[in-house]
Amino acid sequence: MNEDNLFMTEMGDVKPLKDSNSVYFNKTNKADESTLARRLAAEAAEIKDPNFLSAEPVILVSPDDVLSYKKVGVQQGVFKNLRLGKYEIHTTLNLQGKSVNESRAALFQFINDCQKADLRVLLIRHGKGLKSQPHQAMLKSYINQWLRQFDQVLGFHSALPQHGGGSAVYVMLKKSDDARLQNKERHQKRGAN
């Protein structure tokens, strides 16, 4: 038996399609499936991103504005020393020239890393933003908003001229849990003596 006969034997009970140049697709199901897949992927991406810093529009500040914020409960003298640059700066983050999205990610990582390392006084260089588009001081405005969103930020203030002036900000973080425990133990020992 040759191949043609074998083929015809196997295909004997198959009915040929009617001659038609039309092809029918069920587009609604495919569109729904692809839309659902995209939606699920977007929701999963949102869940995976631990960065809570808002990328929403921001209240704009001008390039020469002084940034200043103090959480309730922070002693006035402590904040004054921060404002006057009297604390040793433990580390610096330079965001000048970075996009808003790059800065958002870098700031989130930086603050969390500093908290874990128990680095409490930071300097963040954001630039004045004289040439930023679509508005001046875009990054400075976002820094002003973002730093307020961190629980671990006790306060911040625009830096003194020797540390960047209006293009930088001093930031004070809470003590880490370990540092608080060590401090508590130190004070308990002092009280016992």
N, C-alpha and C. Protein backbone atom coordinates (compact mmCIF):
# COMPACT_ATOMS: atom_id res chain seq x y z
N MET A 1 0.85 -1.17 0.00
CA MET A 1 0.00 0.00 0.00
C MET A 1 0.90 1.24 0.00
N ASN A 2 0.67 2.12 -0.96
CA ASN A 2 1.50 3.32 -1.03
C ASN A 2 0.94 4.41 -0.11
N GLU A 3 1.65 5.49 0.00
CA GLU A 3 1.28 6.57 0.93
C GLU A 3 -0.05 7.21 0.58
N ASP A 4 -0.32 7.39 -0.69
CA ASP A 4 -1.58 8.01 -1.09
C ASP A 4 -2.77 7.15 -0.68
N ASN A 5 -2.68 5.85 -0.90
CA ASN A 5 -3.77 4.95 -0.51
C ASN A 5 -3.94 4.93 1.00
N LEU A 6 -2.83 4.89 1.71
CA LEU A 6 -2.88 4.90 3.17
C LEU A 6 -3.54 6.18 3.69
N PHE A 7 -3.18 7.28 3.08
CA PHE A 7 -3.77 8.57 3.46
C PHE A 7 -5.27 8.56 3.22
N MET A 8 -5.70 8.10 2.06
CA MET A 8 -7.12 8.08 1.71
C MET A 8 -7.90 7.14 2.63
N THR A 9 -7.27 6.04 3.03
CA THR A 9 -7.93 5.10 3.94
C THR A 9 -8.17 5.77 5.29
N GLU A 10 -7.17 6.46 5.78
CA GLU A 10 -7.28 7.13 7.08
C GLU A 10 -8.28 8.29 7.03
N MET A 11 -8.37 8.96 5.93
CA MET A 11 -9.21 10.14 5.80
C MET A 11 -10.59 9.83 5.21
N GLY A 12 -10.90 8.57 5.02
CA GLY A 12 -12.13 8.16 4.35
C GLY A 12 -13.40 8.69 4.98
N ASP A 13 -13.51 8.73 6.29
CA ASP A 13 -14.75 9.17 6.93
C ASP A 13 -14.77 10.67 7.24
N VAL A 14 -13.75 11.39 6.82
CA VAL A 14 -13.68 12.84 7.06
C VAL A 14 -14.42 13.55 5.94
N LYS A 15 -15.30 14.49 6.32
CA LYS A 15 -16.07 15.25 5.34
C LYS A 15 -15.32 16.54 5.03
N PRO A 16 -15.14 16.87 3.78
CA PRO A 16 -14.45 18.11 3.42
C PRO A 16 -15.28 19.33 3.80
N LEU A 17 -14.59 20.41 4.09
CA LEU A 17 -15.25 21.68 4.42
C LEU A 17 -15.90 22.25 3.17
N LYS A 18 -16.97 23.00 3.39
CA LYS A 18 -17.61 23.69 2.27
C LYS A 18 -16.68 24.77 1.78
N ASP A 19 -16.73 25.03 0.50
CA ASP A 19 -15.90 26.09 -0.06
C ASP A 19 -16.34 27.43 0.50
N SER A 20 -15.43 28.09 1.19
CA SER A 20 -15.74 29.39 1.77
C SER A 20 -14.43 30.14 1.97
N ASN A 21 -14.45 31.41 1.64
CA ASN A 21 -13.27 32.23 1.85
C ASN A 21 -13.34 33.00 3.17
N SER A 22 -14.31 32.68 3.99
CA SER A 22 -14.49 33.38 5.26
C SER A 22 -13.89 32.57 6.40
N VAL A 23 -13.26 33.30 7.31
CA VAL A 23 -12.71 32.69 8.51
C VAL A 23 -13.36 33.37 9.69
N TYR A 24 -13.83 32.60 10.63
CA TYR A 24 -14.50 33.16 11.81
C TYR A 24 -13.63 32.95 13.04
N PHE A 25 -13.38 34.03 13.74
CA PHE A 25 -12.63 33.98 15.00
C PHE A 25 -13.54 34.43 16.12
N ASN A 26 -13.38 33.84 17.24
CA ASN A 26 -14.11 34.28 18.42
C ASN A 26 -13.22 35.29 19.15
N LYS A 27 -13.25 36.53 18.68
CA LYS A 27 -12.36 37.57 19.20
C LYS A 27 -12.69 37.98 20.63
N THR A 28 -13.94 37.94 21.01
CA THR A 28 -14.30 38.42 22.35
C THR A 28 -13.62 37.61 23.44
N ASN A 29 -13.56 36.30 23.31
CA ASN A 29 -12.91 35.49 24.33
C ASN A 29 -11.42 35.77 24.41
N LYS A 30 -10.77 35.89 23.24
CA LYS A 30 -9.33 36.15 23.24
C LYS A 30 -9.02 37.51 23.84
N ALA A 31 -9.82 38.51 23.50
CA ALA A 31 -9.60 39.85 24.05
C ALA A 31 -9.80 39.83 25.56
N ASP A 32 -10.84 39.14 26.00
CA ASP A 32 -11.09 39.06 27.44
C ASP A 32 -9.95 38.36 28.17
N GLU A 33 -9.45 37.27 27.57
CA GLU A 33 -8.36 36.54 28.20
C GLU A 33 -7.09 37.39 28.26
N SER A 34 -6.78 38.07 27.16
CA SER A 34 -5.56 38.88 27.16
C SER A 34 -5.69 40.09 28.09
N THR A 35 -6.88 40.68 28.12
CA THR A 35 -7.12 41.80 29.04
C THR A 35 -6.98 41.34 30.48
N LEU A 36 -7.56 40.19 30.77
CA LEU A 36 -7.46 39.64 32.12
C LEU A 36 -6.01 39.34 32.49
N ALA A 37 -5.26 38.77 31.55
CA ALA A 37 -3.86 38.45 31.81
C ALA A 37 -3.06 39.72 32.10
N ARG A 38 -3.29 40.78 31.31
CA ARG A 38 -2.58 42.05 31.54
C ARG A 38 -2.96 42.64 32.89
N ARG A 39 -4.25 42.59 33.21
CA ARG A 39 -4.72 43.14 34.49
C ARG A 39 -4.08 42.38 35.66
N LEU A 40 -4.06 41.06 35.59
CA LEU A 40 -3.46 40.26 36.66
C LEU A 40 -1.97 40.55 36.80
N ALA A 41 -1.28 40.71 35.67
CA ALA A 41 0.15 41.02 35.71
C ALA A 41 0.38 42.38 36.35
N ALA A 42 -0.46 43.36 36.03
CA ALA A 42 -0.31 44.70 36.61
C ALA A 42 -0.58 44.67 38.11
N GLU A 43 -1.60 43.93 38.52
CA GLU A 43 -1.91 43.83 39.95
C GLU A 43 -0.80 43.12 40.70
N ALA A 44 -0.23 42.08 40.09
CA ALA A 44 0.88 41.36 40.73
C ALA A 44 2.09 42.27 40.87
N ALA A 45 2.35 43.10 39.87
CA ALA A 45 3.48 44.03 39.94
C ALA A 45 3.27 45.04 41.06
N GLU A 46 2.03 45.50 41.23
CA GLU A 46 1.74 46.45 42.31
C GLU A 46 1.95 45.81 43.67
N ILE A 47 1.56 44.56 43.81
CA ILE A 47 1.70 43.86 45.08
C ILE A 47 3.17 43.65 45.40
N LYS A 48 3.99 43.33 44.40
CA LYS A 48 5.40 43.04 44.61
C LYS A 48 6.22 44.28 44.95
N ASP A 49 5.78 45.46 44.56
CA ASP A 49 6.54 46.68 44.79
C ASP A 49 6.31 47.19 46.21
N PRO A 50 7.31 47.05 47.09
CA PRO A 50 7.13 47.50 48.47
C PRO A 50 7.29 49.02 48.62
N ASN A 51 7.68 49.69 47.54
CA ASN A 51 7.93 51.13 47.60
C ASN A 51 6.60 51.87 47.68
N PHE A 52 6.32 52.43 48.85
CA PHE A 52 5.06 53.13 49.09
C PHE A 52 5.11 54.60 48.72
N LEU A 53 6.26 55.10 48.28
CA LEU A 53 6.38 56.53 47.97
C LEU A 53 5.51 56.87 46.77
N SER A 54 4.72 57.90 46.92
CA SER A 54 3.75 58.29 45.91
C SER A 54 4.43 58.89 44.69
N ALA A 55 3.98 58.45 43.53
CA ALA A 55 4.45 59.03 42.27
C ALA A 55 3.39 59.99 41.72
N GLU A 56 2.38 60.24 42.52
CA GLU A 56 1.29 61.14 42.12
C GLU A 56 1.80 62.58 42.04
N PRO A 57 1.03 63.46 41.39
CA PRO A 57 1.43 64.87 41.33
C PRO A 57 1.69 65.42 42.73
N VAL A 58 2.59 66.38 42.77
CA VAL A 58 3.11 66.87 44.04
C VAL A 58 2.82 68.35 44.20
N ILE A 59 2.77 68.82 45.44
CA ILE A 59 2.65 70.26 45.69
C ILE A 59 4.03 70.85 45.42
N LEU A 60 4.08 71.78 44.49
CA LEU A 60 5.37 72.33 44.04
C LEU A 60 5.94 73.33 45.04
N VAL A 61 7.26 73.25 45.21
CA VAL A 61 7.99 74.26 45.97
C VAL A 61 8.88 74.99 44.97
N SER A 62 9.35 76.16 45.34
CA SER A 62 10.23 76.90 44.43
C SER A 62 11.68 76.50 44.71
N PRO A 63 12.58 76.76 43.75
CA PRO A 63 13.98 76.38 43.93
C PRO A 63 14.62 76.97 45.19
N ASP A 64 14.17 78.14 45.62
CA ASP A 64 14.79 78.79 46.78
C ASP A 64 14.05 78.53 48.10
N ASP A 65 12.97 77.77 48.08
CA ASP A 65 12.23 77.47 49.31
C ASP A 65 13.09 76.65 50.27
N VAL A 66 12.91 76.91 51.56
CA VAL A 66 13.55 76.12 52.61
C VAL A 66 12.60 74.97 52.94
N LEU A 67 13.13 73.76 52.91
CA LEU A 67 12.34 72.59 53.29
C LEU A 67 12.52 72.36 54.78
N SER A 68 11.44 72.17 55.49
CA SER A 68 11.51 71.97 56.93
C SER A 68 10.32 71.15 57.39
N TYR A 69 10.60 70.12 58.18
CA TYR A 69 9.54 69.25 58.69
C TYR A 69 10.03 68.60 59.98
N LYS A 70 9.16 68.57 60.98
CA LYS A 70 9.47 67.94 62.27
C LYS A 70 8.25 67.17 62.71
N LYS A 71 8.44 65.88 63.02
CA LYS A 71 7.33 65.08 63.53
C LYS A 71 6.97 65.52 64.93
N VAL A 72 5.72 65.34 65.28
CA VAL A 72 5.26 65.62 66.64
C VAL A 72 6.06 64.74 67.60
N GLY A 73 6.52 65.34 68.68
CA GLY A 73 7.27 64.59 69.68
C GLY A 73 8.77 64.77 69.60
N VAL A 74 9.26 65.31 68.47
CA VAL A 74 10.70 65.56 68.35
C VAL A 74 11.00 66.83 69.13
N GLN A 75 11.99 66.76 70.01
CA GLN A 75 12.33 67.91 70.85
C GLN A 75 12.82 69.07 69.99
N GLN A 76 12.42 70.27 70.37
CA GLN A 76 12.79 71.46 69.62
C GLN A 76 14.31 71.62 69.55
N GLY A 77 15.00 71.34 70.65
CA GLY A 77 16.47 71.46 70.67
C GLY A 77 17.14 70.49 69.72
N VAL A 78 16.61 69.28 69.63
CA VAL A 78 17.15 68.28 68.71
C VAL A 78 16.96 68.76 67.27
N PHE A 79 15.77 69.26 66.96
CA PHE A 79 15.49 69.74 65.61
C PHE A 79 16.35 70.97 65.28
N LYS A 80 16.55 71.84 66.26
CA LYS A 80 17.39 73.03 66.05
C LYS A 80 18.81 72.61 65.70
N ASN A 81 19.34 71.62 66.41
CA ASN A 81 20.69 71.14 66.10
C ASN A 81 20.77 70.53 64.71
N LEU A 82 19.73 69.84 64.28
CA LEU A 82 19.69 69.31 62.92
C LEU A 82 19.69 70.46 61.92
N ARG A 83 18.82 71.43 62.15
CA ARG A 83 18.69 72.59 61.26
C ARG A 83 20.00 73.36 61.13
N LEU A 84 20.75 73.44 62.23
CA LEU A 84 22.02 74.18 62.24
C LEU A 84 23.21 73.33 61.82
N GLY A 85 22.96 72.09 61.40
CA GLY A 85 24.03 71.23 60.91
C GLY A 85 25.01 70.81 61.99
N LYS A 86 24.56 70.72 63.22
CA LYS A 86 25.46 70.41 64.34
C LYS A 86 25.70 68.91 64.52
N TYR A 87 24.90 68.09 63.88
CA TYR A 87 25.10 66.65 63.98
C TYR A 87 26.04 66.17 62.88
N GLU A 88 26.83 65.15 63.21
CA GLU A 88 27.71 64.55 62.21
C GLU A 88 26.85 63.86 61.15
N ILE A 89 27.16 64.13 59.89
CA ILE A 89 26.43 63.50 58.78
C ILE A 89 27.04 62.12 58.57
N HIS A 90 26.21 61.09 58.71
CA HIS A 90 26.69 59.72 58.60
C HIS A 90 26.87 59.26 57.17
N THR A 91 26.02 59.72 56.27
CA THR A 91 26.12 59.31 54.87
C THR A 91 25.32 60.29 53.99
N THR A 92 25.59 60.23 52.69
CA THR A 92 24.98 61.17 51.74
C THR A 92 24.41 60.41 50.54
N LEU A 93 23.30 60.89 50.03
CA LEU A 93 22.71 60.38 48.79
C LEU A 93 22.62 61.54 47.81
N ASN A 94 23.20 61.35 46.62
CA ASN A 94 23.16 62.39 45.60
C ASN A 94 22.15 62.00 44.52
N LEU A 95 21.08 62.75 44.42
CA LEU A 95 20.02 62.49 43.44
C LEU A 95 20.05 63.49 42.29
N GLN A 96 21.00 64.41 42.30
CA GLN A 96 21.05 65.43 41.26
C GLN A 96 21.21 64.78 39.89
N GLY A 97 20.39 65.22 38.95
CA GLY A 97 20.46 64.72 37.59
C GLY A 97 19.68 63.43 37.37
N LYS A 98 19.10 62.87 38.40
CA LYS A 98 18.32 61.64 38.26
C LYS A 98 16.85 61.99 37.97
N SER A 99 16.17 61.07 37.32
CA SER A 99 14.74 61.26 37.04
C SER A 99 13.95 61.08 38.34
N VAL A 100 12.69 61.47 38.30
CA VAL A 100 11.82 61.31 39.47
C VAL A 100 11.69 59.84 39.83
N ASN A 101 11.50 58.97 38.84
CA ASN A 101 11.35 57.54 39.12
C ASN A 101 12.63 56.93 39.68
N GLU A 102 13.78 57.30 39.12
CA GLU A 102 15.06 56.82 39.65
C GLU A 102 15.25 57.30 41.08
N SER A 103 14.92 58.55 41.33
CA SER A 103 15.07 59.13 42.66
C SER A 103 14.14 58.47 43.67
N ARG A 104 12.94 58.16 43.25
CA ARG A 104 11.97 57.50 44.12
C ARG A 104 12.53 56.16 44.60
N ALA A 105 13.03 55.37 43.66
CA ALA A 105 13.58 54.05 44.01
C ALA A 105 14.84 54.19 44.87
N ALA A 106 15.72 55.12 44.50
CA ALA A 106 16.98 55.30 45.24
C ALA A 106 16.72 55.78 46.66
N LEU A 107 15.81 56.73 46.83
CA LEU A 107 15.50 57.26 48.16
C LEU A 107 14.89 56.18 49.05
N PHE A 108 13.97 55.41 48.50
CA PHE A 108 13.33 54.33 49.27
C PHE A 108 14.38 53.35 49.78
N GLN A 109 15.27 52.92 48.88
CA GLN A 109 16.32 51.97 49.26
C GLN A 109 17.28 52.59 50.27
N PHE A 110 17.67 53.82 50.03
CA PHE A 110 18.63 54.52 50.89
C PHE A 110 18.12 54.67 52.32
N ILE A 111 16.90 55.14 52.48
CA ILE A 111 16.34 55.33 53.83
C ILE A 111 16.25 54.00 54.56
N ASN A 112 15.78 52.97 53.88
CA ASN A 112 15.66 51.66 54.52
C ASN A 112 17.03 51.07 54.87
N ASP A 113 18.01 51.23 53.99
CA ASP A 113 19.36 50.74 54.28
C ASP A 113 19.97 51.49 55.46
N CYS A 114 19.79 52.80 55.49
CA CYS A 114 20.33 53.61 56.60
C CYS A 114 19.68 53.22 57.92
N GLN A 115 18.39 52.96 57.91
CA GLN A 115 17.69 52.55 59.13
C GLN A 115 18.27 51.24 59.65
N LYS A 116 18.47 50.28 58.75
CA LYS A 116 19.01 48.98 59.15
C LYS A 116 20.42 49.11 59.69
N ALA A 117 21.21 50.02 59.11
CA ALA A 117 22.60 50.21 59.53
C ALA A 117 22.72 51.17 60.71
N ASP A 118 21.59 51.65 61.21
CA ASP A 118 21.54 52.60 62.32
C ASP A 118 22.31 53.90 62.02
N LEU A 119 22.20 54.35 60.77
CA LEU A 119 22.74 55.65 60.38
C LEU A 119 21.60 56.64 60.55
N ARG A 120 21.78 57.62 61.40
CA ARG A 120 20.64 58.45 61.80
C ARG A 120 20.61 59.83 61.15
N VAL A 121 21.76 60.40 60.83
CA VAL A 121 21.77 61.75 60.24
C VAL A 121 22.30 61.64 58.81
N LEU A 122 21.48 62.04 57.87
CA LEU A 122 21.77 61.87 56.46
C LEU A 122 21.75 63.22 55.75
N LEU A 123 22.41 63.27 54.62
CA LEU A 123 22.34 64.43 53.74
C LEU A 123 21.87 63.93 52.39
N ILE A 124 20.81 64.52 51.88
CA ILE A 124 20.30 64.16 50.56
C ILE A 124 20.44 65.37 49.66
N ARG A 125 21.19 65.19 48.57
CA ARG A 125 21.40 66.26 47.59
C ARG A 125 20.39 66.06 46.45
N HIS A 126 19.45 67.00 46.36
CA HIS A 126 18.40 66.90 45.34
C HIS A 126 18.56 67.95 44.26
N GLY A 127 19.38 68.95 44.47
CA GLY A 127 19.53 70.04 43.52
C GLY A 127 18.41 71.06 43.69
N LYS A 128 18.63 72.23 43.13
CA LYS A 128 17.59 73.27 43.20
C LYS A 128 16.52 73.06 42.14
N GLY A 129 16.91 72.48 41.02
CA GLY A 129 15.94 72.22 39.97
C GLY A 129 15.61 73.43 39.13
N LEU A 130 16.56 74.33 38.94
CA LEU A 130 16.30 75.53 38.16
C LEU A 130 15.96 75.21 36.70
N LYS A 131 16.51 74.09 36.19
CA LYS A 131 16.28 73.73 34.79
C LYS A 131 15.34 72.55 34.63
N SER A 132 14.76 72.07 35.71
CA SER A 132 13.90 70.88 35.60
C SER A 132 12.61 71.21 34.85
N GLN A 133 12.09 70.20 34.16
CA GLN A 133 10.88 70.34 33.35
C GLN A 133 9.85 69.33 33.83
N PRO A 134 8.60 69.56 33.77
CA PRO A 134 7.91 70.72 33.23
C PRO A 134 7.89 71.91 34.19
N HIS A 135 8.31 71.71 35.45
CA HIS A 135 8.33 72.80 36.42
C HIS A 135 9.69 72.82 37.11
N GLN A 136 10.07 74.00 37.58
CA GLN A 136 11.30 74.09 38.36
C GLN A 136 11.11 73.34 39.68
N ALA A 137 12.22 72.85 40.21
CA ALA A 137 12.27 72.19 41.52
C ALA A 137 11.35 70.98 41.64
N MET A 138 11.19 70.23 40.55
CA MET A 138 10.34 69.03 40.59
C MET A 138 10.86 68.03 41.61
N LEU A 139 12.14 67.69 41.52
CA LEU A 139 12.70 66.69 42.43
C LEU A 139 12.69 67.19 43.86
N LYS A 140 13.01 68.45 44.05
CA LYS A 140 12.97 69.04 45.40
C LYS A 140 11.55 68.93 45.98
N SER A 141 10.55 69.15 45.15
CA SER A 141 9.16 69.05 45.59
C SER A 141 8.81 67.61 45.98
N TYR A 142 9.28 66.66 45.19
CA TYR A 142 9.02 65.25 45.52
C TYR A 142 9.74 64.84 46.80
N ILE A 143 10.98 65.28 46.97
CA ILE A 143 11.73 64.95 48.19
C ILE A 143 10.96 65.48 49.40
N ASN A 144 10.45 66.69 49.30
CA ASN A 144 9.67 67.29 50.38
C ASN A 144 8.45 66.42 50.72
N GLN A 145 7.81 65.87 49.72
CA GLN A 145 6.64 65.01 49.92
C GLN A 145 7.05 63.62 50.42
N TRP A 146 8.04 63.02 49.76
CA TRP A 146 8.41 61.63 50.08
C TRP A 146 8.95 61.47 51.49
N LEU A 147 9.82 62.37 51.93
CA LEU A 147 10.41 62.22 53.26
C LEU A 147 9.34 62.21 54.35
N ARG A 148 8.25 62.92 54.13
CA ARG A 148 7.15 62.94 55.10
C ARG A 148 6.41 61.60 55.15
N GLN A 149 6.54 60.79 54.12
CA GLN A 149 5.83 59.51 54.05
C GLN A 149 6.54 58.38 54.81
N PHE A 150 7.78 58.59 55.19
CA PHE A 150 8.53 57.56 55.92
C PHE A 150 8.24 57.64 57.41
N ASP A 151 7.88 56.53 58.01
CA ASP A 151 7.70 56.49 59.47
C ASP A 151 9.03 56.74 60.18
N GLN A 152 10.12 56.27 59.59
CA GLN A 152 11.41 56.38 60.27
C GLN A 152 12.04 57.77 60.20
N VAL A 153 11.48 58.69 59.40
CA VAL A 153 12.02 60.05 59.32
C VAL A 153 11.40 60.89 60.45
N LEU A 154 12.28 61.36 61.35
CA LEU A 154 11.82 62.22 62.45
C LEU A 154 11.68 63.67 62.02
N GLY A 155 12.54 64.08 61.10
CA GLY A 155 12.50 65.45 60.63
C GLY A 155 13.53 65.67 59.53
N PHE A 156 13.38 66.80 58.84
CA PHE A 156 14.37 67.20 57.84
C PHE A 156 14.35 68.71 57.71
N HIS A 157 15.47 69.24 57.22
CA HIS A 157 15.59 70.69 57.04
C HIS A 157 16.61 70.96 55.95
N SER A 158 16.38 72.01 55.17
CA SER A 158 17.35 72.40 54.15
C SER A 158 18.71 72.62 54.79
N ALA A 159 19.75 72.24 54.06
CA ALA A 159 21.10 72.25 54.60
C ALA A 159 21.70 73.65 54.64
N LEU A 160 22.77 73.77 55.41
CA LEU A 160 23.56 75.01 55.44
C LEU A 160 24.35 75.12 54.14
N PRO A 161 24.81 76.34 53.80
CA PRO A 161 25.53 76.53 52.54
C PRO A 161 26.72 75.58 52.35
N GLN A 162 27.46 75.29 53.42
CA GLN A 162 28.63 74.41 53.27
C GLN A 162 28.26 72.95 52.95
N HIS A 163 26.98 72.61 53.11
CA HIS A 163 26.52 71.26 52.79
C HIS A 163 25.57 71.24 51.59
N GLY A 164 25.46 72.35 50.89
CA GLY A 164 24.63 72.38 49.69
C GLY A 164 23.49 73.37 49.73
N GLY A 165 23.24 73.97 50.89
CA GLY A 165 22.18 74.98 51.00
C GLY A 165 20.83 74.46 50.54
N GLY A 166 20.15 75.24 49.72
CA GLY A 166 18.81 74.90 49.26
C GLY A 166 18.75 73.75 48.28
N SER A 167 19.90 73.20 47.91
CA SER A 167 19.90 72.06 46.99
C SER A 167 20.11 70.74 47.72
N ALA A 168 20.09 70.79 49.06
CA ALA A 168 20.28 69.57 49.87
C ALA A 168 19.44 69.68 51.13
N VAL A 169 19.26 68.55 51.78
CA VAL A 169 18.44 68.52 52.99
C VAL A 169 19.07 67.57 54.01
N TYR A 170 19.12 68.02 55.27
CA TYR A 170 19.51 67.14 56.37
C TYR A 170 18.29 66.30 56.73
N VAL A 171 18.52 65.04 57.05
CA VAL A 171 17.43 64.14 57.45
C VAL A 171 17.84 63.42 58.72
N MET A 172 16.92 63.37 59.69
CA MET A 172 17.16 62.61 60.91
C MET A 172 16.20 61.43 60.97
N LEU A 173 16.78 60.24 61.18
CA LEU A 173 15.99 59.01 61.27
C LEU A 173 15.84 58.57 62.72
N LYS A 174 14.80 57.79 62.97
CA LYS A 174 14.61 57.16 64.27
C LYS A 174 15.75 56.18 64.50
N LYS A 175 15.99 55.87 65.76
CA LYS A 175 16.95 54.82 66.09
C LYS A 175 16.36 53.49 65.63
N SER A 176 17.25 52.58 65.25
CA SER A 176 16.79 51.23 64.92
C SER A 176 16.33 50.55 66.20
N ASP A 177 15.62 49.46 66.07
CA ASP A 177 15.14 48.72 67.24
C ASP A 177 16.31 48.26 68.11
N ASP A 178 17.40 47.80 67.47
CA ASP A 178 18.58 47.36 68.23
C ASP A 178 19.19 48.51 69.00
N ALA A 179 19.31 49.67 68.37
CA ALA A 179 19.91 50.83 69.04
C ALA A 179 19.04 51.30 70.20
N ARG A 180 17.73 51.24 70.02
CA ARG A 180 16.82 51.62 71.12
C ARG A 180 16.99 50.68 72.31
N LEU A 181 17.11 49.38 72.02
CA LEU A 181 17.28 48.39 73.07
C LEU A 181 18.60 48.60 73.81
N GLN A 182 19.68 48.84 73.05
CA GLN A 182 20.99 49.10 73.67
C GLN A 182 20.93 50.36 74.54
N ASN A 183 20.29 51.39 74.05
CA ASN A 183 20.17 52.64 74.80
C ASN A 183 19.38 52.41 76.09
N LYS A 184 18.31 51.63 76.00
CA LYS A 184 17.49 51.33 77.17
C LYS A 184 18.31 50.56 78.21
N GLU A 185 19.08 49.57 77.74
CA GLU A 185 19.92 48.79 78.65
C GLU A 185 20.99 49.66 79.30
N ARG A 186 21.57 50.57 78.53
CA ARG A 186 22.60 51.47 79.05
C ARG A 186 22.02 52.34 80.16
N HIS A 187 20.82 52.86 79.94
CA HIS A 187 20.18 53.71 80.96
C HIS A 187 19.77 52.92 82.19
N GLN A 188 19.38 51.67 82.00
CA GLN A 188 19.02 50.83 83.14
C GLN A 188 20.24 50.54 84.00
N LYS A 189 21.38 50.27 83.36
CA LYS A 189 22.62 50.02 84.10
C LYS A 189 23.05 51.25 84.86
N ARG A 190 22.90 52.41 84.23
CA ARG A 190 23.27 53.67 84.87
C ARG A 190 22.41 53.91 86.11
N GLY A 191 21.13 53.58 86.01
CA GLY A 191 20.21 53.76 87.13
C GLY A 191 20.48 52.78 88.25
N ALA A 192 21.04 51.60 87.92
CA ALA A 192 21.31 50.58 88.94
C ALA A 192 22.56 50.91 89.74
N ASN A 193 23.45 51.71 89.18
CA ASN A 193 24.71 52.04 89.88
C ASN A 193 24.53 53.11 90.90
